[in-house]
Protein backbone atom coordinates (compact mmCIF):
# COMPACT_ATOMS: atom_id res chain seq x y z
CA MET A 1 143.39 221.98 153.43
CA ASN A 2 142.50 222.00 157.13
CA SER A 3 140.18 219.03 156.64
CA LEU A 4 143.14 216.84 155.62
CA LEU A 5 145.24 217.55 158.72
CA PRO A 6 143.39 215.16 161.07
CA LEU A 7 143.59 212.38 158.47
CA LEU A 8 147.30 212.94 157.89
CA ALA A 9 147.90 212.82 161.63
CA LEU A 10 146.37 209.33 161.76
CA ILE A 11 148.66 207.88 159.08
CA SER A 12 152.00 206.84 160.51
CA GLY A 13 155.21 206.72 158.51
CA GLU A 14 155.51 202.96 158.98
CA GLN A 15 151.97 202.41 157.71
CA LEU A 16 152.68 204.59 154.68
CA ILE A 17 155.87 202.66 153.87
CA ASN A 18 154.01 199.34 154.22
CA ALA A 19 151.29 200.59 151.88
CA LEU A 20 153.88 201.73 149.35
CA VAL A 21 155.71 198.39 149.41
CA THR A 22 152.39 196.57 149.06
CA LEU A 23 151.47 198.77 146.10
CA VAL A 24 154.78 198.08 144.37
CA ILE A 25 154.50 194.31 144.89
CA TRP A 26 150.89 194.21 143.65
CA GLY A 27 151.84 196.44 140.73
CA VAL A 28 154.60 194.08 139.64
CA ILE A 29 152.34 191.02 140.01
CA LEU A 30 149.51 192.63 138.03
CA TRP A 31 151.91 193.92 135.37
CA VAL A 32 153.35 190.42 134.87
CA LEU A 33 149.81 189.01 134.58
CA TRP A 34 148.89 191.76 132.09
CA TRP A 35 152.05 191.11 130.06
CA GLY A 36 151.45 187.34 130.12
CA LEU A 37 147.86 187.77 129.01
CA HIS A 38 148.91 189.83 126.00
CA LYS A 39 151.90 187.58 125.28
CA ILE A 40 149.68 184.48 125.12
CA ALA A 41 147.17 186.46 123.04
CA PRO A 42 144.02 184.37 123.44
CA PRO A 43 141.14 184.91 121.01
CA GLU A 44 139.39 188.27 121.24
CA PRO A 45 136.53 187.60 123.68
CA TRP A 46 138.90 185.91 126.16
CA LEU A 47 141.43 188.73 125.93
CA LYS A 48 138.74 191.26 126.89
CA VAL A 49 137.48 189.03 129.71
CA GLY A 50 141.01 188.67 131.08
CA THR A 51 141.61 192.41 130.80
CA VAL A 52 138.39 193.22 132.65
CA ILE A 53 139.24 190.74 135.41
CA LEU A 54 142.71 192.26 135.83
CA VAL A 55 141.26 195.78 135.96
CA LEU A 56 138.70 194.73 138.58
CA ILE A 57 141.39 193.08 140.71
CA THR A 58 143.52 196.23 140.42
CA VAL A 59 140.65 198.49 141.49
CA VAL A 60 139.79 196.27 144.48
CA VAL A 61 143.42 196.16 145.61
CA LEU A 62 143.81 199.96 145.31
CA ILE A 63 140.59 200.64 147.22
CA ASN A 64 141.62 198.18 149.92
CA ILE A 65 145.06 199.78 150.31
CA LEU A 66 143.56 203.27 150.54
CA LEU A 67 140.94 202.12 153.06
CA GLY A 68 143.69 200.33 154.97
CA LEU A 69 145.52 203.63 155.42
CA ALA A 70 142.43 204.94 157.19
CA GLY A 71 142.15 201.75 159.26
CA HIS A 72 139.11 200.31 157.47
CA GLY A 73 140.47 197.78 154.97
CA PHE A 74 137.85 195.27 153.86
CA ILE A 75 140.31 192.48 152.97
CA LYS A 76 142.64 191.29 155.72
CA TRP A 77 145.85 189.98 154.16
């Protein structure tokens, strides 16, 4: 537990709120894309390709937000 204290001291409340708002906005955007992909229902190989692309985008966004909290985001918005 003591190893987390220096990290928590670096994260400000404003930065945490900004990260939370960014997560909610990206979550809504990706959910709408996911819903649209399954609503259109393309043939099977394209549905899997679209799903994999959405999952990859989600993982990159989550990693970037978490790295951004530590001050090392790799994508500058």
